[in-house]
PDB file of N, CA and C in Angstrom:
ATOM      1  N   MET A   1     120.410  86.914  51.596  1.00  0.00           N
ATOM      2  CA  MET A   1     121.554  86.512  50.786  1.00  0.00           C
ATOM      3  C   MET A   1     122.387  87.753  50.480  1.00  0.00           C
ATOM      4  N   THR A   2     123.668  87.668  50.771  1.00  0.00           N
ATOM      5  CA  THR A   2     124.562  88.784  50.489  1.00  0.00           C
ATOM      6  C   THR A   2     125.001  88.733  49.030  1.00  0.00           C
ATOM      7  N   GLN A   3     125.645  89.794  48.603  1.00  0.00           N
ATOM      8  CA  GLN A   3     126.109  89.839  47.220  1.00  0.00           C
ATOM      9  C   GLN A   3     127.193  88.789  46.971  1.00  0.00           C
ATOM     10  N   LEU A   4     128.017  88.531  47.959  1.00  0.00           N
ATOM     11  CA  LEU A   4     129.047  87.503  47.821  1.00  0.00           C
ATOM     12  C   LEU A   4     128.412  86.139  47.591  1.00  0.00           C
ATOM     13  N   GLU A   5     127.369  85.828  48.355  1.00  0.00           N
ATOM     14  CA  GLU A   5     126.672  84.553  48.169  1.00  0.00           C
ATOM     15  C   GLU A   5     126.067  84.466  46.779  1.00  0.00           C
ATOM     16  N   ALA A   6     125.473  85.574  46.320  1.00  0.00           N
ATOM     17  CA  ALA A   6     124.857  85.577  44.989  1.00  0.00           C
ATOM     18  C   ALA A   6     125.893  85.328  43.899  1.00  0.00           C
ATOM     19  N   VAL A   7     127.063  85.923  44.048  1.00  0.00           N
ATOM     20  CA  VAL A   7     128.112  85.737  43.040  1.00  0.00           C
ATOM     21  C   VAL A   7     128.611  84.297  43.043  1.00  0.00           C
ATOM     22  N   LEU A   8     128.841  83.750  44.222  1.00  0.00           N
ATOM     23  CA  LEU A   8     129.344  82.380  44.293  1.00  0.00           C
ATOM     24  C   LEU A   8     128.298  81.370  43.831  1.00  0.00           C
ATOM     25  N   GLU A   9     127.020  81.664  44.066  1.00  0.00           N
ATOM     26  CA  GLU A   9     125.953  80.772  43.604  1.00  0.00           C
ATOM     27  C   GLU A   9     125.773  80.856  42.091  1.00  0.00           C
ATOM     28  N   ALA A  10     126.108  82.009  41.495  1.00  0.00           N
ATOM     29  CA  ALA A  10     125.843  82.233  40.073  1.00  0.00           C
ATOM     30  C   ALA A  10     126.931  81.680  39.165  1.00  0.00           C
ATOM     31  N   ILE A  11     127.944  81.049  39.704  1.00  0.00           N
ATOM     32  CA  ILE A  11     129.003  80.496  38.863  1.00  0.00           C
ATOM     33  C   ILE A  11     128.411  79.391  38.010  1.00  0.00           C
ATOM     34  N   GLN A  12     128.448  79.573  36.693  1.00  0.00           N
ATOM     35  CA  GLN A  12     127.793  78.673  35.752  1.00  0.00           C
ATOM     36  C   GLN A  12     128.691  77.540  35.290  1.00  0.00           C
ATOM     37  N   VAL A  13     129.977  77.790  35.227  1.00  0.00           N
ATOM     38  CA  VAL A  13     130.893  76.805  34.662  1.00  0.00           C
ATOM     39  C   VAL A  13     131.134  75.709  35.693  1.00  0.00           C
ATOM     40  N   LYS A  14     130.763  74.508  35.346  1.00  0.00           N
ATOM     41  CA  LYS A  14     131.005  73.375  36.230  1.00  0.00           C
ATOM     42  C   LYS A  14     132.340  72.757  35.845  1.00  0.00           C
ATOM     43  N   ARG A  15     133.243  72.732  36.748  1.00  0.00           N
ATOM     44  CA  ARG A  15     134.548  72.161  36.465  1.00  0.00           C
ATOM     45  C   ARG A  15     134.706  70.865  37.254  1.00  0.00           C
ATOM     46  N   PRO A  16     135.592  70.005  36.812  1.00  0.00           N
ATOM     47  CA  PRO A  16     135.794  68.765  37.555  1.00  0.00           C
ATOM     48  C   PRO A  16     136.349  69.051  38.947  1.00  0.00           C
ATOM     49  N   ALA A  17     136.077  68.167  39.848  1.00  0.00           N
ATOM     50  CA  ALA A  17     136.566  68.348  41.215  1.00  0.00           C
ATOM     51  C   ALA A  17     138.091  68.368  41.205  1.00  0.00           C
ATOM     52  N   PRO A  18     138.680  69.377  41.827  1.00  0.00           N
ATOM     53  CA  PRO A  18     140.143  69.454  41.824  1.00  0.00           C
ATOM     54  C   PRO A  18     140.744  68.367  42.703  1.00  0.00           C
ATOM     55  N   PRO A  19     141.949  67.913  42.366  1.00  0.00           N
ATOM     56  CA  PRO A  19     142.612  66.946  43.234  1.00  0.00           C
ATOM     57  C   PRO A  19     142.867  67.551  44.615  1.00  0.00           C
ATOM     58  N   LYS A  20     143.211  66.719  45.561  1.00  0.00           N
ATOM     59  CA  LYS A  20     143.377  67.197  46.939  1.00  0.00           C
ATOM     60  C   LYS A  20     144.473  68.249  47.061  1.00  0.00           C
ATOM     61  N   ARG A  21     145.534  68.095  46.305  1.00  0.00           N
ATOM     62  CA  ARG A  21     146.601  69.082  46.435  1.00  0.00           C
ATOM     63  C   ARG A  21     146.328  70.339  45.621  1.00  0.00           C
ATOM     64  N   ARG A  22     145.326  70.318  44.732  1.00  0.00           N
ATOM     65  CA  ARG A  22     144.935  71.516  43.976  1.00  0.00           C
ATOM     66  C   ARG A  22     143.491  71.833  44.285  1.00  0.00           C
ATOM     67  N   SER A  23     143.257  72.584  45.308  1.00  0.00           N
ATOM     68  CA  SER A  23     141.893  72.914  45.682  1.00  0.00           C
ATOM     69  C   SER A  23     141.510  74.272  45.112  1.00  0.00           C
ATOM     70  N   LYS A  24     140.261  74.667  45.324  1.00  0.00           N
ATOM     71  CA  LYS A  24     139.759  75.931  44.786  1.00  0.00           C
ATOM     72  C   LYS A  24     140.191  77.077  45.702  1.00  0.00           C
ATOM     73  N   HIS A  25     140.729  78.106  45.101  1.00  0.00           N
ATOM     74  CA  HIS A  25     141.184  79.278  45.847  1.00  0.00           C
ATOM     75  C   HIS A  25     140.358  80.481  45.421  1.00  0.00           C
ATOM     76  N   LEU A  26     140.120  81.399  46.362  1.00  0.00           N
ATOM     77  CA  LEU A  26     139.392  82.629  46.077  1.00  0.00           C
ATOM     78  C   LEU A  26     140.224  83.795  46.591  1.00  0.00           C
ATOM     79  N   CYS A  27     140.690  84.644  45.677  1.00  0.00           N
ATOM     80  CA  CYS A  27     141.466  85.830  46.043  1.00  0.00           C
ATOM     81  C   CYS A  27     140.518  87.013  46.130  1.00  0.00           C
ATOM     82  N   ALA A  28     140.599  87.761  47.223  1.00  0.00           N
ATOM     83  CA  ALA A  28     139.687  88.886  47.430  1.00  0.00           C
ATOM     84  C   ALA A  28     140.435  90.014  48.131  1.00  0.00           C
ATOM     85  N   ASP A  29     139.788  91.185  48.155  1.00  0.00           N
ATOM     86  CA  ASP A  29     140.400  92.316  48.838  1.00  0.00           C
ATOM     87  C   ASP A  29     139.842  92.425  50.257  1.00  0.00           C
ATOM     88  N   ALA A  30     140.167  93.508  50.951  1.00  0.00           N
ATOM     89  CA  ALA A  30     139.825  93.649  52.363  1.00  0.00           C
ATOM     90  C   ALA A  30     138.328  93.783  52.608  1.00  0.00           C
ATOM     91  N   GLY A  31     137.536  94.016  51.587  1.00  0.00           N
ATOM     92  CA  GLY A  31     136.092  94.108  51.760  1.00  0.00           C
ATOM     93  C   GLY A  31     135.466  92.787  52.170  1.00  0.00           C
ATOM     94  N   TYR A  32     136.168  91.693  51.964  1.00  0.00           N
ATOM     95  CA  TYR A  32     135.655  90.362  52.299  1.00  0.00           C
ATOM     96  C   TYR A  32     136.377  89.785  53.511  1.00  0.00           C
ATOM     97  N   ARG A  33     136.854  90.630  54.407  1.00  0.00           N
ATOM     98  CA  ARG A  33     137.651  90.200  55.538  1.00  0.00           C
ATOM     99  C   ARG A  33     136.809  89.787  56.741  1.00  0.00           C
ATOM    100  N   GLY A  34     135.555  90.156  56.802  1.00  0.00           N
ATOM    101  CA  GLY A  34     134.718  89.890  57.966  1.00  0.00           C
ATOM    102  C   GLY A  34     134.369  88.418  58.128  1.00  0.00           C
ATOM    103  N   ALA A  35     133.865  88.089  59.326  1.00  0.00           N
ATOM    104  CA  ALA A  35     133.513  86.698  59.641  1.00  0.00           C
ATOM    105  C   ALA A  35     132.392  86.153  58.753  1.00  0.00           C
ATOM    106  N   PRO A  36     131.318  86.926  58.463  1.00  0.00           N
ATOM    107  CA  PRO A  36     130.270  86.370  57.592  1.00  0.00           C
ATOM    108  C   PRO A  36     130.778  86.050  56.184  1.00  0.00           C
ATOM    109  N   ALA A  37     131.642  86.905  55.644  1.00  0.00           N
ATOM    110  CA  ALA A  37     132.177  86.657  54.304  1.00  0.00           C
ATOM    111  C   ALA A  37     133.091  85.439  54.315  1.00  0.00           C
ATOM    112  N   MET A  38     133.912  85.316  55.344  1.00  0.00           N
ATOM    113  CA  MET A  38     134.798  84.149  55.439  1.00  0.00           C
ATOM    114  C   MET A  38     133.999  82.859  55.549  1.00  0.00           C
ATOM    115  N   LYS A  39     132.901  82.899  56.318  1.00  0.00           N
ATOM    116  CA  LYS A  39     132.062  81.711  56.466  1.00  0.00           C
ATOM    117  C   LYS A  39     131.449  81.330  55.124  1.00  0.00           C
ATOM    118  N   THR A  40     130.982  82.316  54.371  1.00  0.00           N
ATOM    119  CA  THR A  40     130.389  82.052  53.059  1.00  0.00           C
ATOM    120  C   THR A  40     131.421  81.458  52.108  1.00  0.00           C
ATOM    121  N   ILE A  41     132.622  82.020  52.107  1.00  0.00           N
ATOM    122  CA  ILE A  41     133.685  81.518  51.228  1.00  0.00           C
ATOM    123  C   ILE A  41     134.030  80.074  51.576  1.00  0.00           C
ATOM    124  N   LEU A  42     134.156  79.788  52.867  1.00  0.00           N
ATOM    125  CA  LEU A  42     134.494  78.431  53.299  1.00  0.00           C
ATOM    126  C   LEU A  42     133.352  77.454  53.040  1.00  0.00           C
ATOM    127  N   ASP A  43     132.094  77.914  53.186  1.00  0.00           N
ATOM    128  CA  ASP A  43     130.939  77.045  52.933  1.00  0.00           C
ATOM    129  C   ASP A  43     130.862  76.610  51.475  1.00  0.00           C
ATOM    130  N   HIS A  44     131.361  77.443  50.569  1.00  0.00           N
ATOM    131  CA  HIS A  44     131.336  77.107  49.141  1.00  0.00           C
ATOM    132  C   HIS A  44     132.562  76.299  48.722  1.00  0.00           C
ATOM    133  N   GLY A  45     133.427  75.970  49.663  1.00  0.00           N
ATOM    134  CA  GLY A  45     134.559  75.100  49.371  1.00  0.00           C
ATOM    135  C   GLY A  45     135.796  75.797  48.845  1.00  0.00           C
ATOM    136  N   TYR A  46     135.910  77.089  49.063  1.00  0.00           N
ATOM    137  CA  TYR A  46     137.077  77.836  48.599  1.00  0.00           C
ATOM    138  C   TYR A  46     138.060  78.042  49.744  1.00  0.00           C
ATOM    139  N   ILE A  47     139.328  78.166  49.401  1.00  0.00           N
ATOM    140  CA  ILE A  47     140.348  78.572  50.364  1.00  0.00           C
ATOM    141  C   ILE A  47     140.530  80.079  50.180  1.00  0.00           C
ATOM    142  N   PRO A  48     140.205  80.892  51.214  1.00  0.00           N
ATOM    143  CA  PRO A  48     140.258  82.348  51.031  1.00  0.00           C
ATOM    144  C   PRO A  48     141.684  82.889  51.107  1.00  0.00           C
ATOM    145  N   HIS A  49     141.961  83.834  50.232  1.00  0.00           N
ATOM    146  CA  HIS A  49     143.208  84.603  50.251  1.00  0.00           C
ATOM    147  C   HIS A  49     142.782  86.064  50.242  1.00  0.00           C
ATOM    148  N   VAL A  50     142.692  86.655  51.427  1.00  0.00           N
ATOM    149  CA  VAL A  50     142.192  88.022  51.569  1.00  0.00           C
ATOM    150  C   VAL A  50     143.329  88.889  52.074  1.00  0.00           C
ATOM    151  N   LYS A  51     143.645  89.948  51.321  1.00  0.00           N
ATOM    152  CA  LYS A  51     144.719  90.860  51.699  1.00  0.00           C
ATOM    153  C   LYS A  51     144.118  92.153  52.227  1.00  0.00           C
ATOM    154  N   GLY A  52     144.769  92.712  53.222  1.00  0.00           N
ATOM    155  CA  GLY A  52     144.361  94.004  53.747  1.00  0.00           C
ATOM    156  C   GLY A  52     144.815  95.127  52.833  1.00  0.00           C
ATOM    157  N   ARG A  53     144.220  96.294  53.026  1.00  0.00           N
ATOM    158  CA  ARG A  53     144.557  97.431  52.160  1.00  0.00           C
ATOM    159  C   ARG A  53     146.015  97.878  52.360  1.00  0.00           C
ATOM    160  N   ARG A  54     146.485  97.851  53.590  1.00  0.00           N
ATOM    161  CA  ARG A  54     147.873  98.261  53.835  1.00  0.00           C
ATOM    162  C   ARG A  54     148.852  97.287  53.202  1.00  0.00           C
ATOM    163  N   GLN A  55     148.513  96.019  53.243  1.00  0.00           N
ATOM    164  CA  GLN A  55     149.395  95.012  52.650  1.00  0.00           C
ATOM    165  C   GLN A  55     149.470  95.197  51.134  1.00  0.00           C
ATOM    166  N   GLU A  56     148.326  95.474  50.491  1.00  0.00           N
ATOM    167  CA  GLU A  56     148.322  95.706  49.041  1.00  0.00           C
ATOM    168  C   GLU A  56     149.096  96.966  48.694  1.00  0.00           C
ATOM    169  N   ALA A  57     148.895  98.033  49.483  1.00  0.00           N
ATOM    170  CA  ALA A  57     149.598  99.289  49.208  1.00  0.00           C
ATOM    171  C   ALA A  57     151.104  99.116  49.371  1.00  0.00           C
ATOM    172  N   GLY A  58     151.513  98.348  50.376  1.00  0.00           N
ATOM    173  CA  GLY A  58     152.944  98.106  50.580  1.00  0.00           C
ATOM    174  C   GLY A  58     153.565  97.341  49.429  1.00  0.00           C
ATOM    175  N   GLU A  59     152.827  96.364  48.896  1.00  0.00           N
ATOM    176  CA  GLU A  59     153.340  95.605  47.755  1.00  0.00           C
ATOM    177  C   GLU A  59     153.463  96.487  46.518  1.00  0.00           C
ATOM    178  N   LEU A  60     152.513  97.398  46.327  1.00  0.00           N
ATOM    179  CA  LEU A  60     152.583  98.292  45.171  1.00  0.00           C
ATOM    180  C   LEU A  60     153.772  99.236  45.276  1.00  0.00           C
ATOM    181  N   LYS A  61     154.085  99.678  46.493  1.00  0.00           N
ATOM    182  CA  LYS A  61     155.228 100.573  46.662  1.00  0.00           C
ATOM    183  C   LYS A  61     156.545  99.853  46.400  1.00  0.00           C
ATOM    184  N   ARG A  62     156.612  98.584  46.785  1.00  0.00           N
ATOM    185  CA  ARG A  62     157.856  97.834  46.611  1.00  0.00           C
ATOM    186  C   ARG A  62     158.098  97.424  45.169  1.00  0.00           C
ATOM    187  N   ASP A  63     157.049  97.151  44.428  1.00  0.00           N
ATOM    188  CA  ASP A  63     157.207  96.645  43.062  1.00  0.00           C
ATOM    189  C   ASP A  63     156.737  97.703  42.067  1.00  0.00           C
ATOM    190  N   PRO A  64     157.651  98.451  41.441  1.00  0.00           N
ATOM    191  CA  PRO A  64     157.231  99.509  40.517  1.00  0.00           C
ATOM    192  C   PRO A  64     156.549  98.984  39.262  1.00  0.00           C
ATOM    193  N   ALA A  65     156.699  97.698  38.951  1.00  0.00           N
ATOM    194  CA  ALA A  65     156.047  97.153  37.760  1.00  0.00           C
ATOM    195  C   ALA A  65     154.542  97.068  37.941  1.00  0.00           C
ATOM    196  N   LYS A  66     154.063  97.061  39.182  1.00  0.00           N
ATOM    197  CA  LYS A  66     152.629  96.953  39.446  1.00  0.00           C
ATOM    198  C   LYS A  66     151.941  98.306  39.528  1.00  0.00           C
ATOM    199  N   ARG A  67     152.700  99.379  39.476  1.00  0.00           N
ATOM    200  CA  ARG A  67     152.099 100.708  39.578  1.00  0.00           C
ATOM    201  C   ARG A  67     151.350 101.072  38.303  1.00  0.00           C
ATOM    202  N   ALA A  68     150.397 101.984  38.443  1.00  0.00           N
ATOM    203  CA  ALA A  68     149.631 102.444  37.289  1.00  0.00           C
ATOM    204  C   ALA A  68     150.526 103.275  36.381  1.00  0.00           C
ATOM    205  N   ARG A  69     150.418 103.035  35.089  1.00  0.00           N
ATOM    206  CA  ARG A  69     151.224 103.773  34.113  1.00  0.00           C
ATOM    207  C   ARG A  69     150.333 104.630  33.218  1.00  0.00           C
ATOM    208  N   ARG A  70     149.208 105.062  33.753  1.00  0.00           N
ATOM    209  CA  ARG A  70     148.256 105.822  32.970  1.00  0.00           C
ATOM    210  C   ARG A  70     148.845 107.154  32.510  1.00  0.00           C
ATOM    211  N   TRP A  71     149.699 107.763  33.322  1.00  0.00           N
ATOM    212  CA  TRP A  71     150.250 109.065  32.977  1.00  0.00           C
ATOM    213  C   TRP A  71     151.078 109.002  31.705  1.00  0.00           C
ATOM    214  N   ILE A  72     151.686 107.856  31.409  1.00  0.00           N
ATOM    215  CA  ILE A  72     152.484 107.725  30.191  1.00  0.00           C
ATOM    216  C   ILE A  72     151.596 107.881  28.966  1.00  0.00           C
ATOM    217  N   VAL A  73     150.442 107.257  29.012  1.00  0.00           N
ATOM    218  CA  VAL A  73     149.501 107.346  27.894  1.00  0.00           C
ATOM    219  C   VAL A  73     148.967 108.768  27.768  1.00  0.00           C
ATOM    220  N   GLU A  74     148.666 109.400  28.906  1.00  0.00           N
ATOM    221  CA  GLU A  74     148.138 110.761  28.865  1.00  0.00           C
ATOM    222  C   GLU A  74     149.160 111.733  28.282  1.00  0.00           C
ATOM    223  N   VAL A  75     150.428 111.547  28.597  1.00  0.00           N
ATOM    224  CA  VAL A  75     151.469 112.416  28.043  1.00  0.00           C
ATOM    225  C   VAL A  75     151.554 112.233  26.535  1.00  0.00           C
ATOM    226  N   ALA A  76     151.478 110.995  26.079  1.00  0.00           N
ATOM    227  CA  ALA A  76     151.537 110.737  24.636  1.00  0.00           C
ATOM    228  C   ALA A  76     150.347 111.373  23.923  1.00  0.00           C
ATOM    229  N   HIS A  77     149.165 111.276  24.530  1.00  0.00           N
ATOM    230  CA  HIS A  77     147.989 111.908  23.922  1.00  0.00           C
ATOM    231  C   HIS A  77     148.162 113.425  23.856  1.00  0.00           C
ATOM    232  N   SER A  78     148.732 114.014  24.896  1.00  0.00           N
ATOM    233  CA  SER A  78     148.912 115.465  24.863  1.00  0.00           C
ATOM    234  C   SER A  78     149.921 115.872  23.798  1.00  0.00           C
ATOM    235  N   TRP A  79     150.952 115.044  23.566  1.00  0.00           N
ATOM    236  CA  TRP A  79     151.904 115.349  22.498  1.00  0.00           C
ATOM    237  C   TRP A  79     151.216 115.310  21.142  1.00  0.00           C
ATOM    238  N   PHE A  80     150.362 114.322  20.920  1.00  0.00           N
ATOM    239  CA  PHE A  80     149.653 114.233  19.642  1.00  0.00           C
ATOM    240  C   PHE A  80     148.619 115.346  19.502  1.00  0.00           C
ATOM    241  N   ASN A  81     148.036 115.803  20.612  1.00  0.00           N
ATOM    242  CA  ASN A  81     147.023 116.856  20.540  1.00  0.00           C
ATOM    243  C   ASN A  81     147.613 118.205  20.153  1.00  0.00           C
ATOM    244  N   ARG A  82     148.921 118.343  20.202  1.00  0.00           N
ATOM    245  CA  ARG A  82     149.549 119.599  19.793  1.00  0.00           C
ATOM    246  C   ARG A  82     149.532 119.785  18.275  1.00  0.00           C
ATOM    247  N   PHE A  83     149.264 118.720  17.560  1.00  0.00           N
ATOM    248  CA  PHE A  83     149.137 118.802  16.104  1.00  0.00           C
ATOM    249  C   PHE A  83     147.660 119.031  15.781  1.00  0.00           C
ATOM    250  N   ARG A  84     147.327 120.251  15.359  1.00  0.00           N
ATOM    251  CA  ARG A  84     145.923 120.625  15.171  1.00  0.00           C
ATOM    252  C   ARG A  84     145.205 119.772  14.147  1.00  0.00           C
ATOM    253  N   LYS A  85     145.923 119.374  13.126  1.00  0.00           N
ATOM    254  CA  LYS A  85     145.287 118.592  12.070  1.00  0.00           C
ATOM    255  C   LYS A  85     144.870 117.216  12.584  1.00  0.00           C
ATOM    256  N   LEU A  86     145.521 116.724  13.629  1.00  0.00           N
ATOM    257  CA  LEU A  86     145.141 115.444  14.222  1.00  0.00           C
ATOM    258  C   LEU A  86     144.083 115.609  15.301  1.00  0.00           C
ATOM    259  N   LEU A  87     144.095 116.763  15.971  1.00  0.00           N
ATOM    260  CA  LEU A  87     143.149 116.987  17.060  1.00  0.00           C
ATOM    261  C   LEU A  87     141.715 116.957  16.548  1.00  0.00           C
ATOM    262  N   VAL A  88     141.460 117.673  15.470  1.00  0.00           N
ATOM    263  CA  VAL A  88     140.171 117.602  14.783  1.00  0.00           C
ATOM    264  C   VAL A  88     140.443 116.898  13.470  1.00  0.00           C
ATOM    265  N   ARG A  89     139.820 115.787  13.266  1.00  0.00           N
ATOM    266  CA  ARG A  89     140.129 114.963  12.090  1.00  0.00           C
ATOM    267  C   ARG A  89     139.495 115.576  10.843  1.00  0.00           C
ATOM    268  N   TYR A  90     140.332 116.188  10.017  1.00  0.00           N
ATOM    269  CA  TYR A  90     139.870 116.780   8.770  1.00  0.00           C
ATOM    270  C   TYR A  90     139.970 115.804   7.602  1.00  0.00           C
ATOM    271  N   GLU A  91     140.750 114.779   7.748  1.00  0.00           N
ATOM    272  CA  GLU A  91     141.010 113.857   6.637  1.00  0.00           C
ATOM    273  C   GLU A  91     139.816 112.944   6.400  1.00  0.00           C
ATOM    274  N   LYS A  92     139.480 112.743   5.129  1.00  0.00           N
ATOM    275  CA  LYS A  92     138.376 111.847   4.781  1.00  0.00           C
ATOM    276  C   LYS A  92     138.847 110.408   4.669  1.00  0.00           C
ATOM    277  N   LEU A  93     140.047 110.220   4.168  1.00  0.00           N
ATOM    278  CA  LEU A  93     140.562 108.870   3.976  1.00  0.00           C
ATOM    279  C   LEU A  93     141.327 108.415   5.217  1.00  0.00           C
ATOM    280  N   GLU A  94     141.137 107.162   5.557  1.00  0.00           N
ATOM    281  CA  GLU A  94     141.813 106.617   6.732  1.00  0.00           C
ATOM    282  C   GLU A  94     143.318 106.586   6.535  1.00  0.00           C
ATOM    283  N   ARG A  95     143.754 106.243   5.323  1.00  0.00           N
ATOM    284  CA  ARG A  95     145.198 106.136   5.097  1.00  0.00           C
ATOM    285  C   ARG A  95     145.886 107.490   5.222  1.00  0.00           C
ATOM    286  N   SER A  96     145.184 108.577   4.888  1.00  0.00           N
ATOM    287  CA  SER A  96     145.767 109.911   5.074  1.00  0.00           C
ATOM    288  C   SER A  96     145.903 110.234   6.557  1.00  0.00           C
ATOM    289  N   PHE A  97     144.882 109.877   7.331  1.00  0.00           N
ATOM    290  CA  PHE A  97     144.911 110.125   8.769  1.00  0.00           C
ATOM    291  C   PHE A  97     146.006 109.302   9.445  1.00  0.00           C
ATOM    292  N   VAL A  98     146.146 108.048   9.037  1.00  0.00           N
ATOM    293  CA  VAL A  98     147.194 107.188   9.601  1.00  0.00           C
ATOM    294  C   VAL A  98     148.571 107.724   9.223  1.00  0.00           C
ATOM    295  N   ALA A  99     148.716 108.197   7.994  1.00  0.00           N
ATOM    296  CA  ALA A  99     149.998 108.758   7.561  1.00  0.00           C
ATOM    297  C   ALA A  99     150.353 109.998   8.382  1.00  0.00           C
ATOM    298  N   LEU A 100     149.365 110.840   8.667  1.00  0.00           N
ATOM    299  CA  LEU A 100     149.628 112.014   9.499  1.00  0.00           C
ATOM    300  C   LEU A 100     150.002 111.613  10.929  1.00  0.00           C
ATOM    301  N   ASN A 101     149.385 110.550  11.438  1.00  0.00           N
ATOM    302  CA  ASN A 101     149.754 110.055  12.770  1.00  0.00           C
ATOM    303  C   ASN A 101     151.198 109.575  12.789  1.00  0.00           C
ATOM    304  N   HIS A 102     151.596 108.876  11.728  1.00  0.00           N
ATOM    305  CA  HIS A 102     152.983 108.408  11.641  1.00  0.00           C
ATOM    306  C   HIS A 102     153.946 109.588  11.547  1.00  0.00           C
ATOM    307  N   LEU A 103     153.582 110.589  10.777  1.00  0.00           N
ATOM    308  CA  LEU A 103     154.423 111.776  10.656  1.00  0.00           C
ATOM    309  C   LEU A 103     154.547 112.490  12.000  1.00  0.00           C
ATOM    310  N   ALA A 104     153.437 112.626  12.713  1.00  0.00           N
ATOM    311  CA  ALA A 104     153.471 113.265  14.032  1.00  0.00           C
ATOM    312  C   ALA A 104     154.335 112.467  14.999  1.00  0.00           C
ATOM    313  N   ALA A 105     154.231 111.140  14.960  1.00  0.00           N
ATOM    314  CA  ALA A 105     155.048 110.303  15.840  1.00  0.00           C
ATOM    315  C   ALA A 105     156.528 110.464  15.515  1.00  0.00           C
ATOM    316  N   ALA A 106     156.856 110.570  14.229  1.00  0.00           N
ATOM    317  CA  ALA A 106     158.252 110.758  13.837  1.00  0.00           C
ATOM    318  C   ALA A 106     158.770 112.113  14.313  1.00  0.00           C
ATOM    319  N   ILE A 107     157.949 113.146  14.197  1.00  0.00           N
ATOM    320  CA  ILE A 107     158.357 114.482  14.651  1.00  0.00           C
ATOM    321  C   ILE A 107     158.559 114.485  16.163  1.00  0.00           C
ATOM    322  N   ILE A 108     157.638 113.840  16.891  1.00  0.00           N
ATOM    323  CA  ILE A 108     157.758 113.769  18.353  1.00  0.00           C
ATOM    324  C   ILE A 108     159.035 113.033  18.739  1.00  0.00           C
ATOM    325  N   ALA A 109     159.313 111.914  18.091  1.00  0.00           N
ATOM    326  CA  ALA A 109     160.516 111.140  18.404  1.00  0.00           C
ATOM    327  C   ALA A 109     161.772 111.936  18.070  1.00  0.00           C
ATOM    328  N   PHE A 110     161.768 112.658  16.942  1.00  0.00           N
ATOM    329  CA  PHE A 110     162.934 113.444  16.551  1.00  0.00           C
ATOM    330  C   PHE A 110     163.198 114.556  17.560  1.00  0.00           C
ATOM    331  N   ARG A 111     162.128 115.164  18.081  1.00  0.00           N
ATOM    332  CA  ARG A 111     162.305 116.231  19.067  1.00  0.00           C
ATOM    333  C   ARG A 111     162.824 115.709  20.405  1.00  0.00           C
ATOM    334  N   LYS A 112     162.567 114.447  20.702  1.00  0.00           N
ATOM    335  CA  LYS A 112     163.006 113.873  21.978  1.00  0.00           C
ATOM    336  C   LYS A 112     164.468 113.434  21.952  1.00  0.00           C
ATOM    337  N   VAL A 113     165.016 113.221  20.765  1.00  0.00           N
ATOM    338  CA  VAL A 113     166.408 112.783  20.650  1.00  0.00           C
ATOM    339  C   VAL A 113     167.309 113.999  20.824  1.00  0.00           C
ATOM    340  N   PRO A 114     168.264 113.931  21.748  1.00  0.00           N
ATOM    341  CA  PRO A 114     169.162 115.081  21.922  1.00  0.00           C
ATOM    342  C   PRO A 114     170.134 115.178  20.745  1.00  0.00           C
ATOM    343  N   LEU A 115     170.276 116.377  20.215  1.00  0.00           N
ATOM    344  CA  LEU A 115     171.188 116.606  19.097  1.00  0.00           C
ATOM    345  C   LEU A 115     172.575 116.924  19.639  1.00  0.00           C
ATOM    346  N   LYS A 116     173.589 116.356  19.030  1.00  0.00           N
ATOM    347  CA  LYS A 116     174.966 116.577  19.473  1.00  0.00           C
ATOM    348  C   LYS A 116     175.577 117.725  18.673  1.00  0.00           C
ATOM    349  N   VAL A 117     176.448 118.444  19.310  1.00  0.00           N
ATOM    350  CA  VAL A 117     177.116 119.576  18.679  1.00  0.00           C
ATOM    351  C   VAL A 117     178.266 119.054  17.818  1.00  0.00           C
ATOM    352  N   ASN A 118     178.576 119.767  16.745  1.00  0.00           N
ATOM    353  CA  ASN A 118     179.673 119.464  15.827  1.00  0.00           C
ATOM    354  C   ASN A 118     179.418 118.221  14.976  1.00  0.00           C
ATOM    355  N   ILE A 119     178.192 117.869  14.785  1.00  0.00           N
ATOM    356  CA  ILE A 119     177.862 116.771  13.881  1.00  0.00           C
ATOM    357  C   ILE A 119     177.000 117.353  12.772  1.00  0.00           C
ATOM    358  N   ILE A 120     177.346 117.033  11.549  1.00  0.00           N
ATOM    359  CA  ILE A 120     176.590 117.536  10.407  1.00  0.00           C
ATOM    360  C   ILE A 120     175.446 116.572  10.139  1.00  0.00           C
ATOM    361  N   TYR A 121     174.221 117.086  10.214  1.00  0.00           N
ATOM    362  CA  TYR A 121     173.043 116.271   9.935  1.00  0.00           C
ATOM    363  C   TYR A 121     172.639 116.493   8.495  1.00  0.00           C
ATOM    364  N   GLY A 122     172.274 115.468   7.837  1.00  0.00           N
ATOM    365  CA  GLY A 122     171.781 115.648   6.493  1.00  0.00           C
ATOM    366  C   GLY A 122     172.276 114.655   5.609  1.00  0.00           C
TER     367      GLY A 122
END
């Protein structure tokens, strides 16, 4: 028994039989592209939708909304880490720590806004 068979056999939730126009679909990556995997998928009554790696990579390049945005979070963490009092938590009370986080966020946002010349701030 392959791992694919074990996973398909282990499905616990029994659902009602789908109507003919709404059958069971199984979306998988290129690891399940071989003939034995396809036979197992079809034997369990699923309609396979298997994409190749190049096809997935091409779709990711075309649609920027699907790209990983992890770097945005990492940049934000590095901005907050520049405040030493937040890097090592010295505050005992949670509300003090949250207030310092809000202050740091306000300072970061203020530094990102471009200041215009000949405008009096204050």
